Amino acid sequence: MHPNIELERLKRLVEVELSMPCRELGILKRDELQTSYRMVTVDGREFQVRCYGEIGETEKRKLESEIATLRWLFPNTTIPVAEIHEWDLNTTKNIGCAYIIQRRIPGISLDSVWDSLEPHVKEKVARKIATYESQLFSRTFKRFGSLYHDQNKRKFVVGPMEVTLPVDTDHTVTSWVGPWKDTKSYLEVLCQAVLEVQEKKRGEVLPLNSEDPKTIWLDNQTDIIRALHAVIEAGKVTAGMSPDLFYLSHPDFGNLASVIVDPDDPSKIVGVNRWDDARIMPLWKVVPLWKVVPLWKVVPLSMPIFDNPQLRKIRMEVISKIVPKIGHALDEGGALRALEWILMNVPTSEKSQEIWLQRLRVLVRGWIKDAPKGTPENDALHRLHNLLSYICT
C-alpha cells in the first residue's frame, strides 16, 4: 500500500536532511509499493524522494542492499548512479513511512531511442557501457552474497542474499541464505534449500497413491537432488577449479532499460539504474553474456545491448583488459552455471521435466568421462549416473 504523506511535512524533512531549502516538490510516480517525489533545491539540484508504506522483511532487506550498493559504487567507481543522501526504513519515525532521498538523474531510457541510433553510435554507447561495467571487476570481495551496511552505517559487509525457488507453476518460495566463502558452500546450501522445497511439495501430495504419476515424479526429483547433493559434498563439482574471486554483479547492466541517456545526445550516458538485484558473485556467475529465463517463469525482457555479436565482442574486449581470465571463466564455469540452473529450475510440470532431465544427463555425462570408480567423489557421481539411467528408462 502506497503511503499517504503531507507534502509540507515531507518538504520540511528533506530540507533538514539536505540542509538546503526546497524550490519545487511534486509527485513523480505512484504505484502499490511506493510514491516517488521530485524535489528541486534552490541551487538547482534535483532529488528523488522514494516513500514506502508498509514494507515486509523481504522488501526491507532488498532496499537495505540497494542502498548499500549505491553508496559503495559512488566513491569506488565513476559509474553514474543516483547517489543516496539519506534514508530511514523505519515506518514509525519521522514522516511515518520509510523513505530514501537520492539524487535524481534526468534523462530518457536507452530503450526508447535504441532502434533509431546509427550503428556507429550504438558501438560508441556499447563501448562506454562496457567500460563502466569493467569497473565492477576492479575490486574483489572475500565472500559472496548481498552488500549491506554494518550497524553503524560506516562499513560495508557481505550478508545473506535472496534465493527464489519454484513450488509450482504459480508459486515460489524465497529464502535469505549466505554469505559464502566459496562455490562449494553455496551449492551445498542451494541443494539443501531445494530439498526443503521438495519436502514441502511432498507433504502436499502425500495423500496420493504411491503409484500416482505425480507422486512418482516428485520422489524421483527428490532422489536426484539428494544424489546431486552427495556429488557436491564429495567435492567433485568444484575439484580443480581456479580459486574463487568475488565481484559486484549487476545482472541487468547490459539491458537497455537500465541505461539513462541525454535526450539531446543519446550517445551520452548519464545514469545506470536498477541496482536492486545487484549481488557479490564468483566470477563464473558474474559473466553476464546471456539472460536465462527460468522454465517456471516467463517474463518480458527488455532488449539487451549486447545481443548483437559485434557489440558482445566489444564487451569481452573491454572487460578482458581488467580480468584477463574472463574467457577461461566462461569455459570453466559452464558446468557450474548448468548445475545452478538445474537446481533453481526443478520442474513443476511434465513438459519442463523432459528438458530438465536432458540438461542434467548432458552435464553428468561430461563429468563422468574422466571419473573412474574408486574415489568417494567419483563413486558419488556414478551413483547419480546410475539413478538417472534407471529413471529415464
Protein backbone atom coordinates (compact mmCIF):
# COMPACT_ATOMS: atom_id res chain seq x y z
CA MET A 1 0.00 0.00 0.00
CA HIS A 2 1.47 3.36 -1.04
CA PRO A 3 1.95 5.91 1.76
CA ASN A 4 -0.25 8.94 2.34
CA ILE A 5 2.06 11.87 3.12
CA GLU A 6 1.57 15.58 3.69
CA LEU A 7 3.76 17.37 1.16
CA GLU A 8 4.65 20.18 3.55
CA ARG A 9 5.81 17.68 6.17
CA LEU A 10 7.88 15.84 3.57
CA LYS A 11 9.36 19.11 2.34
CA ARG A 12 10.49 20.07 5.85
CA LEU A 13 12.11 16.67 6.38
CA VAL A 14 14.06 16.78 3.13
CA GLU A 15 15.18 20.36 3.70
CA VAL A 16 16.55 19.35 7.10
CA GLU A 17 18.30 16.26 5.71
CA LEU A 18 19.86 18.17 2.81
CA SER A 19 20.45 21.43 4.72
CA MET A 20 19.03 23.24 1.74
CA PRO A 21 15.68 24.99 1.07
CA CYS A 22 13.35 23.39 -1.47
CA ARG A 23 12.18 25.30 -4.54
CA GLU A 24 9.89 22.65 -6.09
CA LEU A 25 8.26 19.45 -4.82
CA GLY A 26 5.82 17.25 -6.73
CA ILE A 27 4.86 13.63 -7.39
CA LEU A 28 6.90 11.74 -10.00
CA LYS A 29 5.04 8.44 -9.93
CA ARG A 30 2.91 6.30 -7.66
CA ASP A 31 2.32 2.56 -7.51
CA GLU A 32 1.21 -0.03 -4.95
CA LEU A 33 4.57 -0.10 -3.16
CA GLN A 34 5.84 3.46 -3.23
CA THR A 35 5.29 7.09 -4.13
CA SER A 36 8.21 8.96 -5.69
CA TYR A 37 8.61 12.72 -5.47
CA ARG A 38 10.79 15.09 -7.47
CA MET A 39 12.41 17.84 -5.46
CA VAL A 40 14.48 20.78 -6.74
CA THR A 41 16.60 22.73 -4.25
CA VAL A 42 17.21 26.48 -4.50
CA ASP A 43 20.64 25.87 -6.05
CA GLY A 44 19.02 23.88 -8.89
CA ARG A 45 19.92 20.31 -7.88
CA GLU A 46 17.29 17.63 -8.47
CA PHE A 47 16.48 14.89 -5.97
CA GLN A 48 14.13 11.94 -5.87
CA VAL A 49 12.39 11.01 -2.63
CA ARG A 50 11.07 7.44 -2.56
CA CYS A 51 8.42 6.90 0.12
CA TYR A 52 7.08 3.48 1.10
CA GLY A 53 4.02 2.38 3.04
CA GLU A 54 4.15 -0.93 4.89
CA ILE A 55 7.16 -2.94 3.77
CA GLY A 56 7.74 -6.61 4.53
CA GLU A 57 11.01 -8.18 5.61
CA THR A 58 11.97 -9.23 2.08
CA GLU A 59 11.37 -5.77 0.61
CA LYS A 60 13.23 -4.15 3.51
CA ARG A 61 16.28 -6.35 3.00
CA LYS A 62 16.31 -5.62 -0.72
CA LEU A 63 16.14 -1.88 -0.07
CA GLU A 64 18.94 -2.11 2.52
CA SER A 65 21.13 -3.90 0.00
CA GLU A 66 20.27 -1.50 -2.83
CA ILE A 67 21.15 1.49 -0.62
CA ALA A 68 24.47 -0.05 0.44
CA THR A 69 25.32 -0.97 -3.15
CA LEU A 70 24.69 2.56 -4.45
CA ARG A 71 26.66 4.08 -1.58
CA TRP A 72 29.57 1.71 -2.28
CA LEU A 73 29.52 2.48 -6.01
CA PHE A 74 29.60 6.26 -5.69
CA PRO A 75 33.11 6.61 -4.18
CA ASN A 76 34.58 3.44 -5.69
CA THR A 77 33.66 3.83 -9.37
CA THR A 78 32.80 6.51 -11.91
CA ILE A 79 29.60 4.72 -12.93
CA PRO A 80 26.86 7.39 -12.95
CA VAL A 81 24.39 6.29 -10.29
CA ALA A 82 21.72 8.06 -8.25
CA GLU A 83 23.72 8.98 -5.15
CA ILE A 84 21.99 8.17 -1.85
CA HIS A 85 21.92 11.11 0.58
CA GLU A 86 19.76 9.88 3.46
CA TRP A 87 17.31 7.11 4.29
CA ASP A 88 15.19 5.65 7.06
CA LEU A 89 13.42 2.32 6.53
CA ASN A 90 11.60 2.54 9.86
CA THR A 91 7.94 3.26 9.08
CA THR A 92 7.11 4.67 12.54
CA LYS A 93 9.60 7.55 12.70
CA ASN A 94 9.98 10.95 11.05
CA ILE A 95 7.20 11.23 8.44
CA GLY A 96 5.50 7.94 9.35
CA CYS A 97 6.83 5.94 6.42
CA ALA A 98 10.07 4.53 5.08
CA TYR A 99 11.94 6.87 2.73
CA ILE A 100 15.08 7.20 0.61
CA ILE A 101 16.48 10.54 -0.55
CA GLN A 102 18.78 10.36 -3.57
CA ARG A 103 19.97 12.45 -6.49
CA ARG A 104 17.66 12.31 -9.49
CA ILE A 105 19.20 11.55 -12.87
CA PRO A 106 17.26 13.45 -15.53
CA GLY A 107 17.24 11.75 -18.92
CA ILE A 108 15.50 9.11 -21.01
CA SER A 109 15.74 5.33 -21.06
CA LEU A 110 18.07 3.99 -23.75
CA ASP A 111 15.44 1.51 -24.92
CA SER A 112 13.26 4.42 -26.09
CA VAL A 113 15.82 5.51 -28.72
CA TRP A 114 18.00 2.44 -29.38
CA ASP A 115 16.34 1.38 -32.64
CA SER A 116 16.80 4.87 -34.10
CA LEU A 117 20.54 5.09 -33.40
CA GLU A 118 23.12 4.70 -36.16
CA PRO A 119 25.41 1.64 -35.90
CA HIS A 120 28.47 3.74 -35.04
CA VAL A 121 26.52 5.43 -32.20
CA LYS A 122 25.40 2.04 -30.86
CA GLU A 123 29.02 0.91 -30.88
CA LYS A 124 30.09 4.03 -29.01
CA VAL A 125 27.37 3.51 -26.38
CA ALA A 126 28.19 -0.20 -26.03
CA ARG A 127 31.88 0.54 -25.52
CA LYS A 128 31.10 3.15 -22.85
CA ILE A 129 28.74 0.79 -21.02
CA ALA A 130 31.33 -1.99 -21.14
CA THR A 131 33.92 0.45 -19.75
CA TYR A 132 31.61 1.28 -16.86
CA GLU A 133 30.87 -2.40 -16.30
CA SER A 134 34.56 -3.26 -16.28
CA GLN A 135 34.95 -1.10 -13.16
CA LEU A 136 32.94 -3.69 -11.24
CA PHE A 137 35.84 -6.08 -11.82
CA SER A 138 38.46 -3.75 -10.35
CA ARG A 139 37.59 -4.68 -6.75
CA THR A 140 37.25 -8.14 -5.21
CA PHE A 141 35.42 -9.28 -2.06
CA LYS A 142 36.17 -12.10 0.37
CA ARG A 143 32.64 -13.57 0.35
CA PHE A 144 29.63 -13.55 -1.89
CA GLY A 145 26.04 -12.61 -1.17
CA SER A 146 24.30 -9.22 -0.95
CA LEU A 147 26.01 -6.00 0.10
CA TYR A 148 24.86 -4.19 3.29
CA HIS A 149 26.00 -1.57 5.79
CA ASP A 150 27.22 -2.58 9.22
CA GLN A 151 25.17 -1.47 12.24
CA ASN A 152 26.91 1.93 12.36
CA LYS A 153 26.40 2.58 8.63
CA ARG A 154 30.14 3.18 8.31
CA LYS A 155 31.41 0.00 6.71
CA PHE A 156 30.13 -2.38 4.04
CA VAL A 157 29.59 -6.07 4.74
CA VAL A 158 28.53 -9.02 2.62
CA GLY A 159 25.45 -10.75 4.03
CA PRO A 160 22.58 -13.06 3.02
CA MET A 161 21.09 -12.87 -0.45
CA GLU A 162 17.68 -13.73 -1.80
CA VAL A 163 17.17 -17.12 -3.48
CA THR A 164 13.80 -17.81 -5.10
CA LEU A 165 12.77 -21.36 -5.98
CA PRO A 166 9.62 -22.64 -7.72
CA VAL A 167 6.98 -24.53 -5.73
CA ASP A 168 4.59 -24.89 -8.66
CA THR A 169 3.78 -23.01 -11.85
CA ASP A 170 2.12 -20.19 -9.89
CA HIS A 171 4.03 -20.04 -6.60
CA THR A 172 7.60 -19.60 -5.43
CA VAL A 173 9.35 -19.62 -2.08
CA THR A 174 12.01 -17.07 -1.12
CA SER A 175 14.87 -17.75 1.28
CA TRP A 176 17.65 -15.47 2.53
CA VAL A 177 20.83 -17.51 2.66
CA GLY A 178 24.58 -16.93 2.76
CA PRO A 179 27.04 -15.34 2.63
CA TRP A 180 29.51 -17.94 1.37
CA LYS A 181 33.27 -18.20 1.30
CA ASP A 182 33.40 -20.47 -1.76
CA THR A 183 31.34 -22.02 -4.55
CA LYS A 184 31.11 -25.42 -2.90
CA SER A 185 29.44 -23.95 0.21
CA TYR A 186 26.95 -22.07 -1.96
CA LEU A 187 25.96 -25.14 -3.99
CA GLU A 188 25.55 -27.22 -0.82
CA VAL A 189 23.20 -24.64 0.71
CA LEU A 190 21.31 -24.27 -2.57
CA CYS A 191 20.84 -28.04 -2.71
CA GLN A 192 19.53 -28.06 0.85
CA ALA A 193 17.08 -25.25 0.06
CA VAL A 194 15.79 -27.20 -2.95
CA LEU A 195 15.33 -30.32 -0.82
CA GLU A 196 13.28 -28.32 1.69
CA VAL A 197 11.00 -27.17 -1.13
CA GLN A 198 10.73 -30.76 -2.33
CA GLU A 199 9.66 -31.84 1.16
CA LYS A 200 7.02 -29.11 1.13
CA LYS A 201 5.71 -30.40 -2.19
CA ARG A 202 5.78 -33.99 -0.91
CA GLY A 203 3.68 -33.01 2.10
CA GLU A 204 1.06 -31.55 -0.21
CA VAL A 205 0.73 -34.68 -2.37
CA LEU A 206 1.20 -37.20 0.45
CA PRO A 207 -2.42 -38.38 0.39
CA LEU A 208 -1.99 -39.50 -3.22
CA ASN A 209 -1.42 -43.17 -4.02
CA SER A 210 2.27 -44.08 -4.15
CA GLU A 211 1.67 -45.29 -7.72
CA ASP A 212 0.24 -41.93 -8.78
CA PRO A 213 2.43 -40.41 -11.57
CA LYS A 214 2.69 -37.09 -9.72
CA THR A 215 3.99 -38.79 -6.59
CA ILE A 216 6.48 -40.93 -8.54
CA TRP A 217 7.69 -37.89 -10.46
CA LEU A 218 8.17 -35.88 -7.27
CA ASP A 219 10.00 -38.71 -5.49
CA ASN A 220 12.30 -39.18 -8.48
CA GLN A 221 13.16 -35.47 -8.45
CA THR A 222 13.96 -35.61 -4.73
CA ASP A 223 16.20 -38.67 -5.19
CA ILE A 224 18.08 -36.87 -7.98
CA ILE A 225 18.63 -33.74 -5.86
CA ARG A 226 19.89 -35.86 -2.95
CA ALA A 227 22.32 -37.64 -5.28
CA LEU A 228 23.47 -34.28 -6.65
CA HIS A 229 23.97 -33.06 -3.08
CA ALA A 230 26.23 -36.05 -2.41
CA VAL A 231 28.29 -35.28 -5.53
CA ILE A 232 28.71 -31.64 -4.46
CA GLU A 233 29.62 -32.59 -0.86
CA ALA A 234 32.22 -35.03 -2.14
CA GLY A 235 33.90 -32.12 -3.93
CA LYS A 236 33.63 -33.49 -7.47
CA VAL A 237 31.92 -30.42 -8.95
CA THR A 238 34.50 -27.87 -7.77
CA ALA A 239 37.63 -30.05 -7.91
CA GLY A 240 40.47 -28.39 -9.80
CA MET A 241 38.68 -25.04 -10.04
CA SER A 242 40.58 -21.79 -10.00
CA PRO A 243 40.37 -20.02 -6.61
CA ASP A 244 37.09 -18.18 -6.16
CA LEU A 245 37.20 -14.44 -6.83
CA PHE A 246 34.11 -12.43 -5.92
CA TYR A 247 32.91 -9.30 -7.72
CA LEU A 248 29.91 -6.98 -7.61
CA SER A 249 27.48 -8.03 -10.34
CA HIS A 250 24.60 -6.07 -11.89
CA PRO A 251 22.52 -8.71 -13.75
CA ASP A 252 20.89 -6.10 -15.99
CA PHE A 253 23.92 -3.94 -16.76
CA GLY A 254 23.62 -4.66 -20.47
CA ASN A 255 19.87 -4.09 -20.54
CA LEU A 256 18.57 -1.11 -22.48
CA ALA A 257 16.06 -0.24 -19.75
CA SER A 258 18.88 0.05 -17.19
CA VAL A 259 20.70 2.84 -19.01
CA ILE A 260 19.70 6.52 -18.91
CA VAL A 261 20.94 8.81 -21.70
CA ASP A 262 20.84 12.51 -22.51
CA PRO A 263 17.72 13.19 -24.64
CA ASP A 264 19.66 15.74 -26.71
CA ASP A 265 22.62 13.40 -27.24
CA PRO A 266 21.66 9.70 -26.84
CA SER A 267 25.30 8.69 -27.15
CA LYS A 268 25.93 10.32 -23.76
CA ILE A 269 25.20 8.01 -20.81
CA VAL A 270 24.02 9.95 -17.76
CA GLY A 271 22.96 7.09 -15.49
CA VAL A 272 22.81 3.36 -14.82
CA ASN A 273 19.96 2.23 -12.62
CA ARG A 274 18.10 -0.92 -11.45
CA TRP A 275 20.68 -1.92 -8.82
CA ASP A 276 18.12 -3.67 -6.62
CA ASP A 277 19.24 -7.11 -7.83
CA ALA A 278 22.99 -6.46 -7.63
CA ARG A 279 24.98 -9.11 -5.76
CA ILE A 280 28.56 -10.04 -4.89
CA MET A 281 29.22 -13.11 -7.04
CA PRO A 282 32.01 -15.53 -8.00
CA LEU A 283 33.36 -14.94 -11.49
CA TRP A 284 31.59 -17.94 -13.02
CA LYS A 285 28.24 -16.37 -12.00
CA VAL A 286 29.18 -12.82 -12.92
CA VAL A 287 29.99 -13.40 -16.59
CA PRO A 288 26.87 -11.70 -17.96
CA LEU A 289 26.74 -12.62 -21.65
CA TRP A 290 23.29 -14.17 -21.69
CA LYS A 291 19.94 -13.98 -19.96
CA VAL A 292 18.45 -17.29 -18.81
CA VAL A 293 14.73 -17.25 -18.08
CA PRO A 294 13.69 -20.00 -15.62
CA LEU A 295 11.33 -22.61 -17.05
CA TRP A 296 8.80 -21.73 -14.36
CA LYS A 297 8.80 -18.00 -15.03
CA VAL A 298 8.10 -16.38 -18.37
CA VAL A 299 8.60 -12.60 -18.27
CA PRO A 300 9.05 -9.97 -21.00
CA LEU A 301 12.66 -8.84 -21.12
CA SER A 302 13.91 -5.53 -22.44
CA MET A 303 16.34 -5.94 -25.32
CA PRO A 304 19.96 -6.45 -24.18
CA ILE A 305 22.50 -4.08 -25.68
CA PHE A 306 24.96 -6.90 -26.24
CA ASP A 307 22.54 -9.11 -28.16
CA ASN A 308 24.47 -8.13 -31.29
CA PRO A 309 27.61 -10.33 -31.76
CA GLN A 310 29.79 -7.35 -32.69
CA LEU A 311 28.76 -5.40 -29.60
CA ARG A 312 29.22 -8.53 -27.47
CA LYS A 313 32.77 -8.78 -28.82
CA ILE A 314 33.41 -5.18 -27.72
CA ARG A 315 32.17 -6.05 -24.22
CA MET A 316 34.55 -9.01 -23.92
CA GLU A 317 37.44 -6.96 -25.31
CA VAL A 318 36.95 -4.16 -22.76
CA ILE A 319 36.37 -6.38 -19.72
CA SER A 320 39.24 -8.73 -20.63
CA LYS A 321 41.66 -5.86 -20.04
CA ILE A 322 40.58 -5.83 -16.38
CA VAL A 323 40.02 -9.58 -15.97
CA PRO A 324 42.33 -11.41 -18.43
CA LYS A 325 40.93 -14.79 -17.31
CA ILE A 326 37.31 -13.97 -18.10
CA GLY A 327 37.41 -16.15 -21.20
CA HIS A 328 38.65 -19.02 -19.05
CA ALA A 329 35.83 -18.33 -16.58
CA LEU A 330 33.34 -18.74 -19.41
CA ASP A 331 34.69 -22.22 -20.16
CA GLU A 332 35.44 -23.34 -16.60
CA GLY A 333 32.16 -22.05 -15.23
CA GLY A 334 29.94 -23.65 -17.88
CA ALA A 335 29.27 -26.77 -15.82
CA LEU A 336 28.67 -24.72 -12.67
CA ARG A 337 26.15 -22.46 -14.41
CA ALA A 338 24.41 -25.54 -15.81
CA LEU A 339 24.27 -27.13 -12.35
CA GLU A 340 22.92 -23.96 -10.76
CA TRP A 341 20.24 -23.74 -13.47
CA ILE A 342 19.22 -27.34 -12.75
CA LEU A 343 18.95 -26.70 -9.01
CA MET A 344 16.97 -23.48 -9.43
CA ASN A 345 14.61 -24.85 -12.06
CA VAL A 346 13.35 -28.15 -10.66
CA PRO A 347 10.36 -28.85 -12.93
CA THR A 348 6.82 -28.00 -11.90
CA SER A 349 5.20 -29.53 -14.98
CA GLU A 350 5.62 -32.65 -17.10
CA LYS A 351 6.64 -30.56 -20.12
CA SER A 352 9.58 -28.93 -18.35
CA GLN A 353 10.60 -32.24 -16.75
CA GLU A 354 11.90 -33.60 -20.05
CA ILE A 355 14.09 -30.55 -20.74
CA TRP A 356 15.40 -30.59 -17.15
CA LEU A 357 16.38 -34.28 -17.29
CA GLN A 358 18.00 -33.83 -20.69
CA ARG A 359 20.21 -30.99 -19.45
CA LEU A 360 21.12 -32.90 -16.30
CA ARG A 361 22.13 -36.01 -18.27
CA VAL A 362 24.36 -33.94 -20.57
CA LEU A 363 26.02 -32.39 -17.51
CA VAL A 364 26.62 -35.73 -15.79
CA ARG A 365 27.99 -37.32 -18.98
CA GLY A 366 30.54 -34.50 -19.16
CA TRP A 367 31.61 -35.11 -15.56
CA ILE A 368 31.84 -38.88 -15.78
CA LYS A 369 34.18 -39.07 -18.78
CA ASP A 370 37.34 -38.98 -16.68
CA ALA A 371 35.92 -40.27 -13.40
CA PRO A 372 36.81 -43.95 -12.82
CA LYS A 373 35.27 -45.60 -9.79
CA GLY A 374 37.33 -45.93 -6.63
CA THR A 375 37.27 -42.48 -5.02
CA PRO A 376 34.46 -41.02 -2.87
CA GLU A 377 33.74 -38.17 -5.30
CA ASN A 378 33.73 -40.41 -8.38
CA ASP A 379 31.62 -43.08 -6.68
CA ALA A 380 29.02 -40.43 -5.77
CA LEU A 381 28.96 -39.33 -9.39
CA HIS A 382 28.47 -42.88 -10.66
CA ARG A 383 25.56 -43.37 -8.25
CA LEU A 384 23.92 -40.25 -9.71
CA HIS A 385 24.56 -41.51 -13.24
CA ASN A 386 23.03 -44.90 -12.47
CA LEU A 387 19.99 -43.26 -10.86
CA LEU A 388 19.39 -41.09 -13.93
CA SER A 389 19.73 -44.13 -16.21
CA TYR A 390 17.15 -46.01 -14.13
CA ILE A 391 14.68 -43.11 -14.02
CA CYS A 392 14.97 -42.33 -17.73
CA THR A 393 14.42 -45.92 -18.90
